[in-house]
């Protein structure tokens, strides 16, 4: 994998300190992140649609996916392998003035690519519901703090349960469960992750049944296994949730990876 200094481009130009300071002070926006390999991205159309839809929902304005694609090409500048985060924020908002429709800006961050990890995880459940969970927004303080607390308590990460004591999502990932020969996704409010959607499509092509349903915390011990997925990787096995242990099945993990990777990468 190549290494290089991270860079940031804002609306097609180098991001200035003043522009980045505005982003940091306002701390309002939404984003998507993904890995680029060989100048292509799995689920690129889904990432661009996510940005378009969230911009419309938050700022009552339109964002052309093809314009974002052009800005992505510009930011990569010929780099073929990278980790990318695209953030959309209202450039004309201040705490005392928030016009609608807003004028939005697109910040593209390009960093060295990250390696896929399949390290088994130990999770602890925490009652927490993200604000506007259907949007991948920059309000990540609670999620990061809960992850930090989980690690102080000897776990790898936190798994959220809602007010009804049902599983929803993790700090930066979706979770799925294995029940015999089928996959169960929690249906509590959560981010509809791109990796989860790609994996679901791959499972369907492979003839593996999957369903969304309520997953009460009290039923966790009835599952045969669990895994998490996000832009950093698919199929991370979960070895424990609280005091409930799960077996790790390497063949099953590789099946999940293969199903996800059966989605063709889309050229940028």
C-alpha atoms as a PDB file:
ATOM      1  CA  UNK A   1       0.000   0.000   0.000  1.00  0.00           C
ATOM      2  CA  UNK A   2       1.238   3.498  -0.841  1.00  0.00           C
ATOM      3  CA  UNK A   3       1.892   6.171   1.771  1.00  0.00           C
ATOM      4  CA  UNK A   4       1.617   9.943   1.365  1.00  0.00           C
ATOM      5  CA  UNK A   5       0.720  13.007   3.379  1.00  0.00           C
ATOM      6  CA  UNK A   6      -3.039  13.484   3.829  1.00  0.00           C
ATOM      7  CA  UNK A   7      -4.464  16.328   1.778  1.00  0.00           C
ATOM      8  CA  UNK A   8      -7.689  18.310   1.767  1.00  0.00           C
ATOM      9  CA  UNK A   9      -9.422  19.967  -1.167  1.00  0.00           C
ATOM     10  CA  UNK A  10     -12.414  22.251  -0.781  1.00  0.00           C
ATOM     11  CA  UNK A  11     -14.626  22.825  -3.819  1.00  0.00           C
ATOM     12  CA  UNK A  12     -11.715  22.035  -6.110  1.00  0.00           C
ATOM     13  CA  UNK A  13      -9.035  24.147  -4.407  1.00  0.00           C
ATOM     14  CA  UNK A  14      -6.578  23.545  -1.608  1.00  0.00           C
ATOM     15  CA  UNK A  15      -8.406  24.006   1.694  1.00  0.00           C
ATOM     16  CA  UNK A  16      -7.077  27.048   3.566  1.00  0.00           C
ATOM     17  CA  UNK A  17      -6.586  27.302   7.321  1.00  0.00           C
ATOM     18  CA  UNK A  18      -9.460  29.799   7.530  1.00  0.00           C
ATOM     19  CA  UNK A  19     -11.820  27.452   5.669  1.00  0.00           C
ATOM     20  CA  UNK A  20     -10.892  24.505   7.860  1.00  0.00           C
ATOM     21  CA  UNK A  21     -11.319  26.684  10.952  1.00  0.00           C
ATOM     22  CA  UNK A  22     -14.894  27.453   9.866  1.00  0.00           C
ATOM     23  CA  UNK A  23     -15.614  23.729   9.535  1.00  0.00           C
ATOM     24  CA  UNK A  24     -14.168  23.080  12.998  1.00  0.00           C
ATOM     25  CA  UNK A  25     -16.005  25.966  14.688  1.00  0.00           C
ATOM     26  CA  UNK A  26     -19.395  25.254  13.147  1.00  0.00           C
ATOM     27  CA  UNK A  27     -19.096  21.461  13.518  1.00  0.00           C
ATOM     28  CA  UNK A  28     -22.208  20.878  11.394  1.00  0.00           C
ATOM     29  CA  UNK A  29     -22.300  18.716   8.299  1.00  0.00           C
ATOM     30  CA  UNK A  30     -22.550  15.208   6.982  1.00  0.00           C
ATOM     31  CA  UNK A  31     -20.097  12.901   5.289  1.00  0.00           C
ATOM     32  CA  UNK A  32     -19.329   9.585   3.690  1.00  0.00           C
ATOM     33  CA  UNK A  33     -16.089   7.620   3.724  1.00  0.00           C
ATOM     34  CA  UNK A  34     -14.705   4.774   1.644  1.00  0.00           C
ATOM     35  CA  UNK A  35     -11.624   3.031   0.324  1.00  0.00           C
ATOM     36  CA  UNK A  36     -10.357   3.594  -3.213  1.00  0.00           C
ATOM     37  CA  UNK A  37      -8.570   0.692  -4.870  1.00  0.00           C
ATOM     38  CA  UNK A  38      -7.187   0.890  -8.378  1.00  0.00           C
ATOM     39  CA  UNK A  39      -9.077   4.126  -9.004  1.00  0.00           C
ATOM     40  CA  UNK A  40     -12.433   2.508  -8.239  1.00  0.00           C
ATOM     41  CA  UNK A  41     -14.864   2.209  -5.304  1.00  0.00           C
ATOM     42  CA  UNK A  42     -17.419  -0.439  -4.416  1.00  0.00           C
ATOM     43  CA  UNK A  43     -20.784   1.238  -3.953  1.00  0.00           C
ATOM     44  CA  UNK A  44     -19.643   4.625  -5.239  1.00  0.00           C
ATOM     45  CA  UNK A  45     -23.152   5.370  -6.508  1.00  0.00           C
ATOM     46  CA  UNK A  46     -24.523   4.664  -3.018  1.00  0.00           C
ATOM     47  CA  UNK A  47     -22.005   7.002  -1.394  1.00  0.00           C
ATOM     48  CA  UNK A  48     -22.850   9.806  -3.825  1.00  0.00           C
ATOM     49  CA  UNK A  49     -26.585   9.258  -3.332  1.00  0.00           C
ATOM     50  CA  UNK A  50     -26.060   9.398   0.459  1.00  0.00           C
ATOM     51  CA  UNK A  51     -24.454  12.831   0.122  1.00  0.00           C
ATOM     52  CA  UNK A  52     -27.175  14.088  -2.208  1.00  0.00           C
ATOM     53  CA  UNK A  53     -30.026  12.916   0.013  1.00  0.00           C
ATOM     54  CA  UNK A  54     -28.534  14.195   3.274  1.00  0.00           C
ATOM     55  CA  UNK A  55     -27.795  17.592   1.720  1.00  0.00           C
ATOM     56  CA  UNK A  56     -31.393  17.908   0.658  1.00  0.00           C
ATOM     57  CA  UNK A  57     -32.665  16.804   4.081  1.00  0.00           C
ATOM     58  CA  UNK A  58     -30.394  19.065   6.156  1.00  0.00           C
ATOM     59  CA  UNK A  59     -29.899  22.115   3.968  1.00  0.00           C
ATOM     60  CA  UNK A  60     -32.899  22.147   1.568  1.00  0.00           C
ATOM     61  CA  UNK A  61     -30.584  22.365  -1.424  1.00  0.00           C
ATOM     62  CA  UNK A  62     -29.495  20.058  -4.219  1.00  0.00           C
ATOM     63  CA  UNK A  63     -26.060  18.508  -4.596  1.00  0.00           C
ATOM     64  CA  UNK A  64     -25.193  17.060  -7.987  1.00  0.00           C
ATOM     65  CA  UNK A  65     -23.545  13.619  -7.553  1.00  0.00           C
ATOM     66  CA  UNK A  66     -21.570  14.111 -10.753  1.00  0.00           C
ATOM     67  CA  UNK A  67     -20.161  17.371  -9.421  1.00  0.00           C
ATOM     68  CA  UNK A  68     -19.021  15.540  -6.291  1.00  0.00           C
ATOM     69  CA  UNK A  69     -17.496  12.845  -8.476  1.00  0.00           C
ATOM     70  CA  UNK A  70     -15.537  15.506 -10.348  1.00  0.00           C
ATOM     71  CA  UNK A  71     -14.278  16.955  -7.046  1.00  0.00           C
ATOM     72  CA  UNK A  72     -13.257  13.467  -5.953  1.00  0.00           C
ATOM     73  CA  UNK A  73     -11.222  12.954  -9.130  1.00  0.00           C
ATOM     74  CA  UNK A  74      -9.581  16.331  -8.589  1.00  0.00           C
ATOM     75  CA  UNK A  75      -8.671  15.534  -4.962  1.00  0.00           C
ATOM     76  CA  UNK A  76      -7.217  12.135  -5.843  1.00  0.00           C
ATOM     77  CA  UNK A  77      -5.069  13.683  -8.540  1.00  0.00           C
ATOM     78  CA  UNK A  78      -4.166  10.337 -10.045  1.00  0.00           C
ATOM     79  CA  UNK A  79      -3.756   8.501  -6.721  1.00  0.00           C
ATOM     80  CA  UNK A  80      -5.065   4.987  -7.284  1.00  0.00           C
ATOM     81  CA  UNK A  81      -5.299   3.691  -3.709  1.00  0.00           C
ATOM     82  CA  UNK A  82      -6.524   5.845  -0.840  1.00  0.00           C
ATOM     83  CA  UNK A  83      -8.898   6.320   2.048  1.00  0.00           C
ATOM     84  CA  UNK A  84     -11.366   9.124   1.301  1.00  0.00           C
ATOM     85  CA  UNK A  85     -13.781  11.150   3.388  1.00  0.00           C
ATOM     86  CA  UNK A  86     -16.138  13.603   1.692  1.00  0.00           C
ATOM     87  CA  UNK A  87     -17.793  16.132   4.001  1.00  0.00           C
ATOM     88  CA  UNK A  88     -20.602  18.484   3.008  1.00  0.00           C
ATOM     89  CA  UNK A  89     -21.223  21.549   5.190  1.00  0.00           C
ATOM     90  CA  UNK A  90     -23.073  24.893   4.974  1.00  0.00           C
ATOM     91  CA  UNK A  91     -20.473  27.502   4.085  1.00  0.00           C
ATOM     92  CA  UNK A  92     -22.887  30.392   4.737  1.00  0.00           C
ATOM     93  CA  UNK A  93     -24.090  29.271   8.180  1.00  0.00           C
ATOM     94  CA  UNK A  94     -23.141  30.993  11.411  1.00  0.00           C
ATOM     95  CA  UNK A  95     -24.553  30.336  14.859  1.00  0.00           C
ATOM     96  CA  UNK A  96     -26.732  33.445  14.504  1.00  0.00           C
ATOM     97  CA  UNK A  97     -27.670  32.960  10.813  1.00  0.00           C
ATOM     98  CA  UNK A  98     -28.681  29.731   9.129  1.00  0.00           C
ATOM     99  CA  UNK A  99     -30.254  30.511   5.754  1.00  0.00           C
ATOM    100  CA  UNK A 100     -32.368  27.926   3.970  1.00  0.00           C
ATOM    101  CA  UNK A 101     -31.632  26.823   1.337  1.00  0.00           C
ATOM    102  CA  UNK A 102     -28.025  26.878   2.461  1.00  0.00           C
ATOM    103  CA  UNK A 103     -24.953  27.320   0.311  1.00  0.00           C
ATOM    104  CA  UNK A 104     -22.962  24.130   0.747  1.00  0.00           C
ATOM    105  CA  UNK A 105     -19.294  23.348   0.256  1.00  0.00           C
ATOM    106  CA  UNK A 106     -17.636  19.990  -0.368  1.00  0.00           C
ATOM    107  CA  UNK A 107     -14.466  19.062   1.500  1.00  0.00           C
ATOM    108  CA  UNK A 108     -12.584  16.008   0.207  1.00  0.00           C
ATOM    109  CA  UNK A 109      -9.931  14.467   2.424  1.00  0.00           C
ATOM    110  CA  UNK A 110      -7.516  11.955   0.891  1.00  0.00           C
ATOM    111  CA  UNK A 111      -5.331   9.777   3.138  1.00  0.00           C
ATOM    112  CA  UNK A 112      -3.208   6.651   2.678  1.00  0.00           C
ATOM    113  CA  UNK A 113      -5.296   3.489   2.234  1.00  0.00           C
ATOM    114  CA  UNK A 114      -6.096   1.374   5.272  1.00  0.00           C
ATOM    115  CA  UNK A 115      -5.836  -2.378   5.424  1.00  0.00           C
ATOM    116  CA  UNK A 116      -8.972  -4.462   5.946  1.00  0.00           C
ATOM    117  CA  UNK A 117      -9.080  -5.899   9.448  1.00  0.00           C
ATOM    118  CA  UNK A 118     -10.847  -9.064  10.553  1.00  0.00           C
ATOM    119  CA  UNK A 119      -9.684  -8.924  14.151  1.00  0.00           C
ATOM    120  CA  UNK A 120     -12.342 -10.433  16.455  1.00  0.00           C
ATOM    121  CA  UNK A 121     -14.141  -7.884  18.614  1.00  0.00           C
ATOM    122  CA  UNK A 122     -15.485  -7.837  22.163  1.00  0.00           C
ATOM    123  CA  UNK A 123     -18.450  -5.479  22.510  1.00  0.00           C
ATOM    124  CA  UNK A 124     -20.419  -4.050  25.408  1.00  0.00           C
ATOM    125  CA  UNK A 125     -24.019  -2.917  25.086  1.00  0.00           C
ATOM    126  CA  UNK A 126     -24.892   0.693  25.927  1.00  0.00           C
ATOM    127  CA  UNK A 127     -28.284   2.393  25.815  1.00  0.00           C
ATOM    128  CA  UNK A 128     -27.873   5.146  23.240  1.00  0.00           C
ATOM    129  CA  UNK A 129     -29.810   6.477  20.248  1.00  0.00           C
ATOM    130  CA  UNK A 130     -28.028   8.691  17.741  1.00  0.00           C
ATOM    131  CA  UNK A 131     -29.784  11.908  16.705  1.00  0.00           C
ATOM    132  CA  UNK A 132     -30.990  11.556  13.097  1.00  0.00           C
ATOM    133  CA  UNK A 133     -29.540   8.040  12.849  1.00  0.00           C
ATOM    134  CA  UNK A 134     -30.404   7.769   9.144  1.00  0.00           C
ATOM    135  CA  UNK A 135     -27.822  10.485   8.380  1.00  0.00           C
ATOM    136  CA  UNK A 136     -24.061  10.043   8.613  1.00  0.00           C
ATOM    137  CA  UNK A 137     -23.511  13.393  10.316  1.00  0.00           C
ATOM    138  CA  UNK A 138     -20.505  14.901  12.045  1.00  0.00           C
ATOM    139  CA  UNK A 139     -22.090  14.803  15.514  1.00  0.00           C
ATOM    140  CA  UNK A 140     -19.818  11.992  16.699  1.00  0.00           C
ATOM    141  CA  UNK A 141     -18.935  13.106  20.238  1.00  0.00           C
ATOM    142  CA  UNK A 142     -21.229  10.595  21.953  1.00  0.00           C
ATOM    143  CA  UNK A 143     -20.138   7.691  19.758  1.00  0.00           C
ATOM    144  CA  UNK A 144     -16.438   8.361  20.281  1.00  0.00           C
ATOM    145  CA  UNK A 145     -16.884   8.864  24.020  1.00  0.00           C
ATOM    146  CA  UNK A 146     -18.831   5.608  24.352  1.00  0.00           C
ATOM    147  CA  UNK A 147     -16.120   3.759  22.399  1.00  0.00           C
ATOM    148  CA  UNK A 148     -13.481   5.231  24.706  1.00  0.00           C
ATOM    149  CA  UNK A 149     -15.474   4.184  27.763  1.00  0.00           C
ATOM    150  CA  UNK A 150     -15.893   0.656  26.366  1.00  0.00           C
ATOM    151  CA  UNK A 151     -12.126   0.372  25.908  1.00  0.00           C
ATOM    152  CA  UNK A 152     -11.485   1.602  29.434  1.00  0.00           C
ATOM    153  CA  UNK A 153     -13.813  -1.167  30.584  1.00  0.00           C
ATOM    154  CA  UNK A 154     -11.853  -3.827  28.696  1.00  0.00           C
ATOM    155  CA  UNK A 155     -13.947  -4.072  25.520  1.00  0.00           C
ATOM    156  CA  UNK A 156     -13.115  -3.102  21.952  1.00  0.00           C
ATOM    157  CA  UNK A 157     -16.207  -1.040  21.209  1.00  0.00           C
ATOM    158  CA  UNK A 158     -19.779  -0.194  22.182  1.00  0.00           C
ATOM    159  CA  UNK A 159     -22.962  -1.686  20.728  1.00  0.00           C
ATOM    160  CA  UNK A 160     -26.050   0.510  21.008  1.00  0.00           C
ATOM    161  CA  UNK A 161     -29.456  -0.578  22.274  1.00  0.00           C
ATOM    162  CA  UNK A 162     -32.481   1.683  22.008  1.00  0.00           C
ATOM    163  CA  UNK A 163     -35.032   2.698  24.644  1.00  0.00           C
ATOM    164  CA  UNK A 164     -36.866  -0.579  23.986  1.00  0.00           C
ATOM    165  CA  UNK A 165     -33.707  -2.575  24.807  1.00  0.00           C
ATOM    166  CA  UNK A 166     -33.282  -3.631  21.162  1.00  0.00           C
ATOM    167  CA  UNK A 167     -29.997  -3.729  19.254  1.00  0.00           C
ATOM    168  CA  UNK A 168     -29.506  -0.968  16.680  1.00  0.00           C
ATOM    169  CA  UNK A 169     -25.912  -0.240  15.539  1.00  0.00           C
ATOM    170  CA  UNK A 170     -22.392   0.343  16.774  1.00  0.00           C
ATOM    171  CA  UNK A 171     -20.315   3.474  17.091  1.00  0.00           C
ATOM    172  CA  UNK A 172     -19.198   3.512  13.435  1.00  0.00           C
ATOM    173  CA  UNK A 173     -20.560   0.256  12.049  1.00  0.00           C
ATOM    174  CA  UNK A 174     -23.586  -1.954  11.487  1.00  0.00           C
ATOM    175  CA  UNK A 175     -23.962  -5.343  13.122  1.00  0.00           C
ATOM    176  CA  UNK A 176     -25.422  -8.567  11.776  1.00  0.00           C
ATOM    177  CA  UNK A 177     -26.146 -11.921  13.384  1.00  0.00           C
ATOM    178  CA  UNK A 178     -26.000 -15.517  12.172  1.00  0.00           C
ATOM    179  CA  UNK A 179     -29.019 -17.684  12.921  1.00  0.00           C
ATOM    180  CA  UNK A 180     -28.521 -21.161  11.452  1.00  0.00           C
ATOM    181  CA  UNK A 181     -28.107 -20.525   7.707  1.00  0.00           C
ATOM    182  CA  UNK A 182     -29.548 -17.017   7.573  1.00  0.00           C
ATOM    183  CA  UNK A 183     -28.445 -13.501   8.451  1.00  0.00           C
ATOM    184  CA  UNK A 184     -30.424 -11.251  10.773  1.00  0.00           C
ATOM    185  CA  UNK A 185     -30.066  -7.473  10.656  1.00  0.00           C
ATOM    186  CA  UNK A 186     -31.530  -5.381  13.500  1.00  0.00           C
ATOM    187  CA  UNK A 187     -34.384  -3.152  12.385  1.00  0.00           C
ATOM    188  CA  UNK A 188     -34.079  -0.484  15.089  1.00  0.00           C
ATOM    189  CA  UNK A 189     -33.346   3.036  13.727  1.00  0.00           C
ATOM    190  CA  UNK A 190     -29.772   3.154  12.444  1.00  0.00           C
ATOM    191  CA  UNK A 191     -27.586   4.298   9.569  1.00  0.00           C
ATOM    192  CA  UNK A 192     -28.244   2.286   6.424  1.00  0.00           C
ATOM    193  CA  UNK A 193     -24.552   1.618   5.892  1.00  0.00           C
ATOM    194  CA  UNK A 194     -23.146   1.218   2.395  1.00  0.00           C
ATOM    195  CA  UNK A 195     -21.098  -1.828   3.415  1.00  0.00           C
ATOM    196  CA  UNK A 196     -24.218  -3.428   4.889  1.00  0.00           C
ATOM    197  CA  UNK A 197     -26.158  -2.736   1.688  1.00  0.00           C
ATOM    198  CA  UNK A 198     -23.407  -4.178  -0.497  1.00  0.00           C
ATOM    199  CA  UNK A 199     -23.139  -7.247   1.707  1.00  0.00           C
ATOM    200  CA  UNK A 200     -26.925  -7.709   1.594  1.00  0.00           C
ATOM    201  CA  UNK A 201     -26.835  -7.619  -2.215  1.00  0.00           C
ATOM    202  CA  UNK A 202     -24.022 -10.150  -2.272  1.00  0.00           C
ATOM    203  CA  UNK A 203     -25.823 -12.451   0.148  1.00  0.00           C
ATOM    204  CA  UNK A 204     -28.905 -12.375  -2.070  1.00  0.00           C
ATOM    205  CA  UNK A 205     -26.859 -13.301  -5.145  1.00  0.00           C
ATOM    206  CA  UNK A 206     -25.319 -16.193  -3.205  1.00  0.00           C
ATOM    207  CA  UNK A 207     -28.754 -17.458  -2.174  1.00  0.00           C
ATOM    208  CA  UNK A 208     -28.178 -16.778   1.529  1.00  0.00           C
ATOM    209  CA  UNK A 209     -31.351 -15.711   3.308  1.00  0.00           C
ATOM    210  CA  UNK A 210     -31.355 -12.458   5.258  1.00  0.00           C
ATOM    211  CA  UNK A 211     -34.010 -10.546   7.143  1.00  0.00           C
ATOM    212  CA  UNK A 212     -34.488  -7.419   9.206  1.00  0.00           C
ATOM    213  CA  UNK A 213     -36.296  -7.773  12.500  1.00  0.00           C
ATOM    214  CA  UNK A 214     -36.300  -6.636  16.089  1.00  0.00           C
ATOM    215  CA  UNK A 215     -33.320  -7.979  18.053  1.00  0.00           C
ATOM    216  CA  UNK A 216     -33.960  -7.643  21.801  1.00  0.00           C
ATOM    217  CA  UNK A 217     -30.847  -7.688  23.947  1.00  0.00           C
ATOM    218  CA  UNK A 218     -32.349 -10.609  25.870  1.00  0.00           C
ATOM    219  CA  UNK A 219     -32.181 -12.804  22.739  1.00  0.00           C
ATOM    220  CA  UNK A 220     -28.496 -12.282  21.908  1.00  0.00           C
ATOM    221  CA  UNK A 221     -27.536 -15.687  23.310  1.00  0.00           C
ATOM    222  CA  UNK A 222     -29.821 -17.423  20.791  1.00  0.00           C
ATOM    223  CA  UNK A 223     -27.623 -16.467  17.811  1.00  0.00           C
ATOM    224  CA  UNK A 224     -24.817 -18.620  16.399  1.00  0.00           C
ATOM    225  CA  UNK A 225     -22.535 -15.714  15.647  1.00  0.00           C
ATOM    226  CA  UNK A 226     -22.209 -11.980  15.065  1.00  0.00           C
ATOM    227  CA  UNK A 227     -20.164  -9.684  12.832  1.00  0.00           C
ATOM    228  CA  UNK A 228     -19.772  -5.988  12.071  1.00  0.00           C
ATOM    229  CA  UNK A 229     -19.240  -4.111   8.830  1.00  0.00           C
ATOM    230  CA  UNK A 230     -18.338  -0.626   7.670  1.00  0.00           C
ATOM    231  CA  UNK A 231     -16.122   1.095   5.119  1.00  0.00           C
ATOM    232  CA  UNK A 232     -13.047  -0.299   6.860  1.00  0.00           C
ATOM    233  CA  UNK A 233     -14.033  -3.898   6.308  1.00  0.00           C
ATOM    234  CA  UNK A 234     -16.806  -6.464   6.247  1.00  0.00           C
ATOM    235  CA  UNK A 235     -17.142  -9.547   8.393  1.00  0.00           C
ATOM    236  CA  UNK A 236     -15.235  -8.571  11.530  1.00  0.00           C
ATOM    237  CA  UNK A 237     -16.222 -11.461  13.815  1.00  0.00           C
ATOM    238  CA  UNK A 238     -17.629 -10.679  17.249  1.00  0.00           C
ATOM    239  CA  UNK A 239     -16.359 -13.023  19.959  1.00  0.00           C
ATOM    240  CA  UNK A 240     -18.426 -11.570  22.803  1.00  0.00           C
ATOM    241  CA  UNK A 241     -21.198  -9.120  23.594  1.00  0.00           C
ATOM    242  CA  UNK A 242     -21.192  -8.331  27.308  1.00  0.00           C
ATOM    243  CA  UNK A 243     -20.806 -11.783  28.909  1.00  0.00           C
ATOM    244  CA  UNK A 244     -22.225 -13.709  25.925  1.00  0.00           C
ATOM    245  CA  UNK A 245     -19.559 -15.561  23.919  1.00  0.00           C
ATOM    246  CA  UNK A 246     -19.763 -16.327  20.193  1.00  0.00           C
ATOM    247  CA  UNK A 247     -17.724 -18.842  18.230  1.00  0.00           C
ATOM    248  CA  UNK A 248     -15.623 -17.551  15.339  1.00  0.00           C
ATOM    249  CA  UNK A 249     -16.147 -19.443  12.082  1.00  0.00           C
ATOM    250  CA  UNK A 250     -13.389 -18.512   9.638  1.00  0.00           C
ATOM    251  CA  UNK A 251     -15.232 -20.077   6.691  1.00  0.00           C
ATOM    252  CA  UNK A 252     -18.312 -17.991   7.483  1.00  0.00           C
ATOM    253  CA  UNK A 253     -16.201 -14.848   7.762  1.00  0.00           C
ATOM    254  CA  UNK A 254     -14.629 -15.491   4.367  1.00  0.00           C
ATOM    255  CA  UNK A 255     -18.094 -16.126   2.915  1.00  0.00           C
ATOM    256  CA  UNK A 256     -19.179 -12.662   4.096  1.00  0.00           C
ATOM    257  CA  UNK A 257     -16.087 -11.076   2.585  1.00  0.00           C
ATOM    258  CA  UNK A 258     -16.658 -12.882  -0.720  1.00  0.00           C
ATOM    259  CA  UNK A 259     -20.313 -11.811  -0.845  1.00  0.00           C
ATOM    260  CA  UNK A 260     -19.354  -8.182  -0.247  1.00  0.00           C
ATOM    261  CA  UNK A 261     -16.540  -8.316  -2.798  1.00  0.00           C
ATOM    262  CA  UNK A 262     -18.860  -9.798  -5.423  1.00  0.00           C
ATOM    263  CA  UNK A 263     -20.066  -6.235  -5.990  1.00  0.00           C
ATOM    264  CA  UNK A 264     -18.112  -4.759  -8.872  1.00  0.00           C
ATOM    265  CA  UNK A 265     -16.022  -1.694  -8.055  1.00  0.00           C
ATOM    266  CA  UNK A 266     -17.133   1.443  -9.912  1.00  0.00           C
ATOM    267  CA  UNK A 267     -14.542   3.602 -11.647  1.00  0.00           C
ATOM    268  CA  UNK A 268     -14.280   7.128 -10.318  1.00  0.00           C
END
